[in-house]
Amino acid sequence: MAANTVIPTPPRLTGDPTTDVQLLHGWINDFYRAAVLESKLLDPAFQANAGTFNPNDLPSPANSSIAKAQDTANRAYQLAAAP
C-alpha cells in the first residue's frame, strides 16, 4: 500500500436510516478509491485467471472417501496457488 494512502474510517451512525445509508455509501466509495484505485491493493496484473468450473468434474459423494476428498482439496489448492 502506498505510504501516502489513508484508508478512511467508517462513519458514526446517527440513527436516521436515510442519513446512515448516505454516510455508509460515501464511506464505501472512499474506501474503494483508497484501497483499490490509489494503493492498487487489487491490481489486476497480479490476479490469477481461475479458468472455468465444470460441476461434472467433481467427485461423486456416493463413491468418495476421505482420501479422495483430501486429494481433491489438495489439487484445488495447487490450481489456486499456481501463477
PDB file of N, CA and C in Angstrom:
ATOM      1  N   MET A   1       0.852  -1.176   0.000  1.00  0.00           N
ATOM      2  CA  MET A   1       0.000   0.000   0.000  1.00  0.00           C
ATOM      3  C   MET A   1       0.891   1.230   0.000  1.00  0.00           C
ATOM      4  N   ALA A   2       0.515   2.182  -0.740  1.00  0.00           N
ATOM      5  CA  ALA A   2       1.296   3.405  -0.830  1.00  0.00           C
ATOM      6  C   ALA A   2       1.357   4.102   0.522  1.00  0.00           C
ATOM      7  N   ALA A   3       2.493   4.722   0.797  1.00  0.00           N
ATOM      8  CA  ALA A   3       2.680   5.346   2.097  1.00  0.00           C
ATOM      9  C   ALA A   3       1.751   6.538   2.304  1.00  0.00           C
ATOM     10  N   ASN A   4       1.362   7.207   1.233  1.00  0.00           N
ATOM     11  CA  ASN A   4       0.515   8.390   1.387  1.00  0.00           C
ATOM     12  C   ASN A   4      -0.978   8.084   1.310  1.00  0.00           C
ATOM     13  N   THR A   5      -1.349   6.822   1.099  1.00  0.00           N
ATOM     14  CA  THR A   5      -2.757   6.454   1.029  1.00  0.00           C
ATOM     15  C   THR A   5      -3.297   6.259   2.433  1.00  0.00           C
ATOM     16  N   VAL A   6      -4.393   6.937   2.725  1.00  0.00           N
ATOM     17  CA  VAL A   6      -5.031   6.819   4.031  1.00  0.00           C
ATOM     18  C   VAL A   6      -6.368   6.129   3.843  1.00  0.00           C
ATOM     19  N   ILE A   7      -6.538   4.983   4.526  1.00  0.00           N
ATOM     20  CA  ILE A   7      -7.806   4.270   4.470  1.00  0.00           C
ATOM     21  C   ILE A   7      -8.788   5.001   5.390  1.00  0.00           C
ATOM     22  N   PRO A   8      -9.943   5.409   4.888  1.00  0.00           N
ATOM     23  CA  PRO A   8     -10.883   6.167   5.717  1.00  0.00           C
ATOM     24  C   PRO A   8     -11.526   5.285   6.785  1.00  0.00           C
ATOM     25  N   THR A   9     -11.825   5.890   7.909  1.00  0.00           N
ATOM     26  CA  THR A   9     -12.514   5.163   8.974  1.00  0.00           C
ATOM     27  C   THR A   9     -14.013   5.195   8.706  1.00  0.00           C
ATOM     28  N   PRO A  10     -14.737   4.157   9.139  1.00  0.00           N
ATOM     29  CA  PRO A  10     -16.184   4.137   8.913  1.00  0.00           C
ATOM     30  C   PRO A  10     -16.872   5.281   9.653  1.00  0.00           C
ATOM     31  N   PRO A  11     -17.984   5.746   9.124  1.00  0.00           N
ATOM     32  CA  PRO A  11     -18.689   6.856   9.780  1.00  0.00           C
ATOM     33  C   PRO A  11     -19.427   6.383  11.023  1.00  0.00           C
ATOM     34  N   ARG A  12     -19.686   7.316  11.922  1.00  0.00           N
ATOM     35  CA  ARG A  12     -20.532   7.020  13.084  1.00  0.00           C
ATOM     36  C   ARG A  12     -21.980   7.089  12.636  1.00  0.00           C
ATOM     37  N   LEU A  13     -22.747   6.109  13.053  1.00  0.00           N
ATOM     38  CA  LEU A  13     -24.154   6.083  12.672  1.00  0.00           C
ATOM     39  C   LEU A  13     -24.936   7.100  13.499  1.00  0.00           C
ATOM     40  N   THR A  14     -25.920   7.719  12.853  1.00  0.00           N
ATOM     41  CA  THR A  14     -26.697   8.774  13.505  1.00  0.00           C
ATOM     42  C   THR A  14     -28.014   8.268  14.064  1.00  0.00           C
ATOM     43  N   GLY A  15     -28.480   7.111  13.580  1.00  0.00           N
ATOM     44  CA  GLY A  15     -29.787   6.609  13.985  1.00  0.00           C
ATOM     45  C   GLY A  15     -30.859   6.905  12.952  1.00  0.00           C
ATOM     46  N   ASP A  16     -30.583   7.825  12.049  1.00  0.00           N
ATOM     47  CA  ASP A  16     -31.507   8.134  10.959  1.00  0.00           C
ATOM     48  C   ASP A  16     -31.134   7.258   9.773  1.00  0.00           C
ATOM     49  N   PRO A  17     -32.016   6.334   9.366  1.00  0.00           N
ATOM     50  CA  PRO A  17     -31.652   5.403   8.295  1.00  0.00           C
ATOM     51  C   PRO A  17     -31.224   6.075   6.992  1.00  0.00           C
ATOM     52  N   THR A  18     -31.882   7.134   6.599  1.00  0.00           N
ATOM     53  CA  THR A  18     -31.542   7.813   5.349  1.00  0.00           C
ATOM     54  C   THR A  18     -30.142   8.410   5.423  1.00  0.00           C
ATOM     55  N   THR A  19     -29.855   9.087   6.498  1.00  0.00           N
ATOM     56  CA  THR A  19     -28.532   9.690   6.677  1.00  0.00           C
ATOM     57  C   THR A  19     -27.461   8.620   6.782  1.00  0.00           C
ATOM     58  N   ASP A  20     -27.755   7.546   7.534  1.00  0.00           N
ATOM     59  CA  ASP A  20     -26.774   6.481   7.713  1.00  0.00           C
ATOM     60  C   ASP A  20     -26.440   5.797   6.396  1.00  0.00           C
ATOM     61  N   VAL A  21     -27.442   5.561   5.553  1.00  0.00           N
ATOM     62  CA  VAL A  21     -27.191   4.938   4.257  1.00  0.00           C
ATOM     63  C   VAL A  21     -26.313   5.841   3.400  1.00  0.00           C
ATOM     64  N   GLN A  22     -26.578   7.123   3.418  1.00  0.00           N
ATOM     65  CA  GLN A  22     -25.759   8.056   2.644  1.00  0.00           C
ATOM     66  C   GLN A  22     -24.322   8.082   3.160  1.00  0.00           C
ATOM     67  N   LEU A  23     -24.165   8.084   4.487  1.00  0.00           N
ATOM     68  CA  LEU A  23     -22.821   8.086   5.068  1.00  0.00           C
ATOM     69  C   LEU A  23     -22.066   6.800   4.717  1.00  0.00           C
ATOM     70  N   LEU A  24     -22.739   5.659   4.834  1.00  0.00           N
ATOM     71  CA  LEU A  24     -22.094   4.387   4.512  1.00  0.00           C
ATOM     72  C   LEU A  24     -21.764   4.273   3.023  1.00  0.00           C
ATOM     73  N   HIS A  25     -22.662   4.772   2.194  1.00  0.00           N
ATOM     74  CA  HIS A  25     -22.399   4.759   0.752  1.00  0.00           C
ATOM     75  C   HIS A  25     -21.165   5.597   0.426  1.00  0.00           C
ATOM     76  N   GLY A  26     -21.072   6.748   1.012  1.00  0.00           N
ATOM     77  CA  GLY A  26     -19.900   7.600   0.800  1.00  0.00           C
ATOM     78  C   GLY A  26     -18.624   6.948   1.298  1.00  0.00           C
ATOM     79  N   TRP A  27     -18.726   6.293   2.470  1.00  0.00           N
ATOM     80  CA  TRP A  27     -17.544   5.636   3.024  1.00  0.00           C
ATOM     81  C   TRP A  27     -17.100   4.471   2.146  1.00  0.00           C
ATOM     82  N   ILE A  28     -18.042   3.679   1.630  1.00  0.00           N
ATOM     83  CA  ILE A  28     -17.684   2.561   0.751  1.00  0.00           C
ATOM     84  C   ILE A  28     -16.971   3.077  -0.493  1.00  0.00           C
ATOM     85  N   ASN A  29     -17.461   4.163  -1.061  1.00  0.00           N
ATOM     86  CA  ASN A  29     -16.800   4.749  -2.231  1.00  0.00           C
ATOM     87  C   ASN A  29     -15.394   5.232  -1.890  1.00  0.00           C
ATOM     88  N   ASP A  30     -15.254   5.902  -0.746  1.00  0.00           N
ATOM     89  CA  ASP A  30     -13.943   6.394  -0.330  1.00  0.00           C
ATOM     90  C   ASP A  30     -12.984   5.239  -0.043  1.00  0.00           C
ATOM     91  N   PHE A  31     -13.499   4.178   0.593  1.00  0.00           N
ATOM     92  CA  PHE A  31     -12.669   3.019   0.898  1.00  0.00           C
ATOM     93  C   PHE A  31     -12.194   2.354  -0.392  1.00  0.00           C
ATOM     94  N   TYR A  32     -13.105   2.167  -1.336  1.00  0.00           N
ATOM     95  CA  TYR A  32     -12.740   1.560  -2.615  1.00  0.00           C
ATOM     96  C   TYR A  32     -11.681   2.404  -3.327  1.00  0.00           C
ATOM     97  N   ARG A  33     -11.899   3.707  -3.353  1.00  0.00           N
ATOM     98  CA  ARG A  33     -10.943   4.591  -4.020  1.00  0.00           C
ATOM     99  C   ARG A  33      -9.565   4.477  -3.376  1.00  0.00           C
ATOM    100  N   ALA A  34      -9.515   4.507  -2.025  1.00  0.00           N
ATOM    101  CA  ALA A  34      -8.230   4.473  -1.330  1.00  0.00           C
ATOM    102  C   ALA A  34      -7.570   3.094  -1.401  1.00  0.00           C
ATOM    103  N   ALA A  35      -8.355   2.039  -1.173  1.00  0.00           N
ATOM    104  CA  ALA A  35      -7.765   0.708  -1.064  1.00  0.00           C
ATOM    105  C   ALA A  35      -7.505   0.048  -2.411  1.00  0.00           C
ATOM    106  N   VAL A  36      -8.298   0.360  -3.402  1.00  0.00           N
ATOM    107  CA  VAL A  36      -8.163  -0.334  -4.683  1.00  0.00           C
ATOM    108  C   VAL A  36      -7.547   0.569  -5.750  1.00  0.00           C
ATOM    109  N   LEU A  37      -8.103   1.729  -5.954  1.00  0.00           N
ATOM    110  CA  LEU A  37      -7.632   2.581  -7.043  1.00  0.00           C
ATOM    111  C   LEU A  37      -6.305   3.257  -6.736  1.00  0.00           C
ATOM    112  N   GLU A  38      -6.171   3.819  -5.535  1.00  0.00           N
ATOM    113  CA  GLU A  38      -4.944   4.559  -5.221  1.00  0.00           C
ATOM    114  C   GLU A  38      -3.795   3.653  -4.812  1.00  0.00           C
ATOM    115  N   SER A  39      -4.069   2.664  -3.954  1.00  0.00           N
ATOM    116  CA  SER A  39      -2.986   1.825  -3.444  1.00  0.00           C
ATOM    117  C   SER A  39      -2.758   0.575  -4.282  1.00  0.00           C
ATOM    118  N   LYS A  40      -3.646   0.315  -5.247  1.00  0.00           N
ATOM    119  CA  LYS A  40      -3.546  -0.865  -6.110  1.00  0.00           C
ATOM    120  C   LYS A  40      -3.544  -2.156  -5.291  1.00  0.00           C
ATOM    121  N   LEU A  41      -4.356  -2.192  -4.243  1.00  0.00           N
ATOM    122  CA  LEU A  41      -4.458  -3.373  -3.405  1.00  0.00           C
ATOM    123  C   LEU A  41      -4.905  -4.577  -4.224  1.00  0.00           C
ATOM    124  N   LEU A  42      -5.817  -4.369  -5.163  1.00  0.00           N
ATOM    125  CA  LEU A  42      -6.281  -5.435  -6.043  1.00  0.00           C
ATOM    126  C   LEU A  42      -5.847  -5.138  -7.472  1.00  0.00           C
ATOM    127  N   ASP A  43      -4.564  -5.176  -7.698  1.00  0.00           N
ATOM    128  CA  ASP A  43      -4.015  -4.890  -9.016  1.00  0.00           C
ATOM    129  C   ASP A  43      -4.335  -6.044  -9.962  1.00  0.00           C
ATOM    130  N   PRO A  44      -5.058  -5.788 -11.056  1.00  0.00           N
ATOM    131  CA  PRO A  44      -5.428  -6.868 -11.978  1.00  0.00           C
ATOM    132  C   PRO A  44      -4.226  -7.623 -12.542  1.00  0.00           C
ATOM    133  N   ALA A  45      -3.070  -7.008 -12.593  1.00  0.00           N
ATOM    134  CA  ALA A  45      -1.891  -7.681 -13.125  1.00  0.00           C
ATOM    135  C   ALA A  45      -1.458  -8.851 -12.251  1.00  0.00           C
ATOM    136  N   PHE A  46      -1.864  -8.839 -10.979  1.00  0.00           N
ATOM    137  CA  PHE A  46      -1.458  -9.900 -10.061  1.00  0.00           C
ATOM    138  C   PHE A  46      -2.596 -10.856  -9.733  1.00  0.00           C
ATOM    139  N   GLN A  47      -3.716 -10.747 -10.416  1.00  0.00           N
ATOM    140  CA  GLN A  47      -4.849 -11.640 -10.168  1.00  0.00           C
ATOM    141  C   GLN A  47      -4.712 -12.883 -11.031  1.00  0.00           C
ATOM    142  N   ALA A  48      -4.998 -14.025 -10.447  1.00  0.00           N
ATOM    143  CA  ALA A  48      -4.891 -15.295 -11.169  1.00  0.00           C
ATOM    144  C   ALA A  48      -6.137 -15.506 -12.021  1.00  0.00           C
ATOM    145  N   ASN A  49      -5.945 -16.135 -13.165  1.00  0.00           N
ATOM    146  CA  ASN A  49      -7.068 -16.498 -14.003  1.00  0.00           C
ATOM    147  C   ASN A  49      -7.550 -17.870 -13.553  1.00  0.00           C
ATOM    148  N   ALA A  50      -8.727 -17.916 -12.975  1.00  0.00           N
ATOM    149  CA  ALA A  50      -9.222 -19.159 -12.399  1.00  0.00           C
ATOM    150  C   ALA A  50      -9.676 -20.159 -13.451  1.00  0.00           C
ATOM    151  N   GLY A  51      -9.921 -19.735 -14.659  1.00  0.00           N
ATOM    152  CA  GLY A  51     -10.386 -20.641 -15.694  1.00  0.00           C
ATOM    153  C   GLY A  51     -11.865 -20.929 -15.534  1.00  0.00           C
ATOM    154  N   THR A  52     -12.273 -22.063 -16.042  1.00  0.00           N
ATOM    155  CA  THR A  52     -13.686 -22.410 -15.992  1.00  0.00           C
ATOM    156  C   THR A  52     -13.928 -23.482 -14.945  1.00  0.00           C
ATOM    157  N   PHE A  53     -15.151 -23.552 -14.471  1.00  0.00           N
ATOM    158  CA  PHE A  53     -15.545 -24.545 -13.480  1.00  0.00           C
ATOM    159  C   PHE A  53     -16.612 -25.431 -14.088  1.00  0.00           C
ATOM    160  N   ASN A  54     -16.382 -26.732 -14.017  1.00  0.00           N
ATOM    161  CA  ASN A  54     -17.355 -27.689 -14.521  1.00  0.00           C
ATOM    162  C   ASN A  54     -17.809 -28.566 -13.358  1.00  0.00           C
ATOM    163  N   PRO A  55     -19.064 -28.425 -12.901  1.00  0.00           N
ATOM    164  CA  PRO A  55     -19.516 -29.220 -11.760  1.00  0.00           C
ATOM    165  C   PRO A  55     -19.521 -30.720 -12.041  1.00  0.00           C
ATOM    166  N   ASN A  56     -19.508 -31.119 -13.305  1.00  0.00           N
ATOM    167  CA  ASN A  56     -19.468 -32.547 -13.633  1.00  0.00           C
ATOM    168  C   ASN A  56     -18.121 -33.182 -13.317  1.00  0.00           C
ATOM    169  N   ASP A  57     -17.095 -32.357 -13.126  1.00  0.00           N
ATOM    170  CA  ASP A  57     -15.773 -32.877 -12.788  1.00  0.00           C
ATOM    171  C   ASP A  57     -15.612 -33.167 -11.296  1.00  0.00           C
ATOM    172  N   LEU A  58     -16.578 -32.786 -10.492  1.00  0.00           N
ATOM    173  CA  LEU A  58     -16.493 -33.034  -9.050  1.00  0.00           C
ATOM    174  C   LEU A  58     -16.670 -34.526  -8.769  1.00  0.00           C
ATOM    175  N   PRO A  59     -16.003 -35.025  -7.726  1.00  0.00           N
ATOM    176  CA  PRO A  59     -16.165 -36.437  -7.402  1.00  0.00           C
ATOM    177  C   PRO A  59     -17.572 -36.733  -6.888  1.00  0.00           C
ATOM    178  N   SER A  60     -18.008 -37.951  -7.123  1.00  0.00           N
ATOM    179  CA  SER A  60     -19.330 -38.366  -6.673  1.00  0.00           C
ATOM    180  C   SER A  60     -19.299 -38.650  -5.171  1.00  0.00           C
ATOM    181  N   PRO A  61     -20.229 -38.097  -4.393  1.00  0.00           N
ATOM    182  CA  PRO A  61     -20.234 -38.368  -2.956  1.00  0.00           C
ATOM    183  C   PRO A  61     -20.535 -39.836  -2.645  1.00  0.00           C
ATOM    184  N   ALA A  62     -21.185 -40.529  -3.567  1.00  0.00           N
ATOM    185  CA  ALA A  62     -21.557 -41.923  -3.310  1.00  0.00           C
ATOM    186  C   ALA A  62     -20.343 -42.842  -3.272  1.00  0.00           C
ATOM    187  N   ASN A  63     -19.322 -42.573  -4.067  1.00  0.00           N
ATOM    188  CA  ASN A  63     -18.155 -43.456  -4.078  1.00  0.00           C
ATOM    189  C   ASN A  63     -16.879 -42.724  -3.677  1.00  0.00           C
ATOM    190  N   SER A  64     -17.004 -41.691  -2.891  1.00  0.00           N
ATOM    191  CA  SER A  64     -15.848 -40.921  -2.464  1.00  0.00           C
ATOM    192  C   SER A  64     -15.372 -41.394  -1.094  1.00  0.00           C
ATOM    193  N   SER A  65     -14.163 -41.044  -0.770  1.00  0.00           N
ATOM    194  CA  SER A  65     -13.605 -41.363   0.543  1.00  0.00           C
ATOM    195  C   SER A  65     -12.916 -40.122   1.087  1.00  0.00           C
ATOM    196  N   ILE A  66     -12.483 -40.211   2.323  1.00  0.00           N
ATOM    197  CA  ILE A  66     -11.770 -39.075   2.927  1.00  0.00           C
ATOM    198  C   ILE A  66     -10.481 -38.810   2.159  1.00  0.00           C
ATOM    199  N   ALA A  67      -9.810 -39.854   1.727  1.00  0.00           N
ATOM    200  CA  ALA A  67      -8.563 -39.680   0.984  1.00  0.00           C
ATOM    201  C   ALA A  67      -8.819 -38.979  -0.352  1.00  0.00           C
ATOM    202  N   LYS A  68      -9.890 -39.359  -1.040  1.00  0.00           N
ATOM    203  CA  LYS A  68     -10.219 -38.709  -2.310  1.00  0.00           C
ATOM    204  C   LYS A  68     -10.593 -37.241  -2.072  1.00  0.00           C
ATOM    205  N   ALA A  69     -11.315 -36.980  -0.985  1.00  0.00           N
ATOM    206  CA  ALA A  69     -11.685 -35.597  -0.665  1.00  0.00           C
ATOM    207  C   ALA A  69     -10.443 -34.759  -0.380  1.00  0.00           C
ATOM    208  N   GLN A  70      -9.476 -35.333   0.344  1.00  0.00           N
ATOM    209  CA  GLN A  70      -8.237 -34.612   0.631  1.00  0.00           C
ATOM    210  C   GLN A  70      -7.451 -34.368  -0.652  1.00  0.00           C
ATOM    211  N   ASP A  71      -7.407 -35.373  -1.527  1.00  0.00           N
ATOM    212  CA  ASP A  71      -6.708 -35.217  -2.793  1.00  0.00           C
ATOM    213  C   ASP A  71      -7.353 -34.123  -3.641  1.00  0.00           C
ATOM    214  N   THR A  72      -8.687 -34.102  -3.669  1.00  0.00           N
ATOM    215  CA  THR A  72      -9.399 -33.064  -4.422  1.00  0.00           C
ATOM    216  C   THR A  72      -9.096 -31.685  -3.852  1.00  0.00           C
ATOM    217  N   ALA A  73      -9.081 -31.574  -2.532  1.00  0.00           N
ATOM    218  CA  ALA A  73      -8.768 -30.289  -1.891  1.00  0.00           C
ATOM    219  C   ALA A  73      -7.334 -29.874  -2.189  1.00  0.00           C
ATOM    220  N   ASN A  74      -6.412 -30.824  -2.170  1.00  0.00           N
ATOM    221  CA  ASN A  74      -5.003 -30.503  -2.468  1.00  0.00           C
ATOM    222  C   ASN A  74      -4.845 -30.025  -3.911  1.00  0.00           C
ATOM    223  N   ARG A  75      -5.523 -30.686  -4.849  1.00  0.00           N
ATOM    224  CA  ARG A  75      -5.428 -30.268  -6.259  1.00  0.00           C
ATOM    225  C   ARG A  75      -6.055 -28.888  -6.450  1.00  0.00           C
ATOM    226  N   ALA A  76      -7.173 -28.620  -5.765  1.00  0.00           N
ATOM    227  CA  ALA A  76      -7.792 -27.301  -5.874  1.00  0.00           C
ATOM    228  C   ALA A  76      -6.871 -26.227  -5.333  1.00  0.00           C
ATOM    229  N   TYR A  77      -6.191 -26.516  -4.230  1.00  0.00           N
ATOM    230  CA  TYR A  77      -5.255 -25.551  -3.656  1.00  0.00           C
ATOM    231  C   TYR A  77      -4.101 -25.289  -4.611  1.00  0.00           C
ATOM    232  N   GLN A  78      -3.577 -26.350  -5.210  1.00  0.00           N
ATOM    233  CA  GLN A  78      -2.457 -26.190  -6.145  1.00  0.00           C
ATOM    234  C   GLN A  78      -2.866 -25.365  -7.355  1.00  0.00           C
ATOM    235  N   LEU A  79      -4.074 -25.609  -7.864  1.00  0.00           N
ATOM    236  CA  LEU A  79      -4.549 -24.831  -9.003  1.00  0.00           C
ATOM    237  C   LEU A  79      -4.753 -23.372  -8.630  1.00  0.00           C
ATOM    238  N   ALA A  80      -5.249 -23.122  -7.419  1.00  0.00           N
ATOM    239  CA  ALA A  80      -5.487 -21.739  -6.983  1.00  0.00           C
ATOM    240  C   ALA A  80      -4.187 -21.010  -6.749  1.00  0.00           C
ATOM    241  N   ALA A  81      -3.170 -21.719  -6.280  1.00  0.00           N
ATOM    242  CA  ALA A  81      -1.899 -21.072  -5.955  1.00  0.00           C
ATOM    243  C   ALA A  81      -0.966 -20.970  -7.156  1.00  0.00           C
ATOM    244  N   ALA A  82      -1.329 -21.604  -8.263  1.00  0.00           N
ATOM    245  CA  ALA A  82      -0.461 -21.580  -9.445  1.00  0.00           C
ATOM    246  C   ALA A  82      -0.415 -20.173 -10.041  1.00  0.00           C
ATOM    247  N   PRO A  83       0.768 -19.773 -10.503  1.00  0.00           N
ATOM    248  CA  PRO A  83       0.892 -18.422 -11.092  1.00  0.00           C
ATOM    249  C   PRO A  83       0.204 -18.294 -12.427  1.00  0.00           C
TER     250      PRO A  83
END
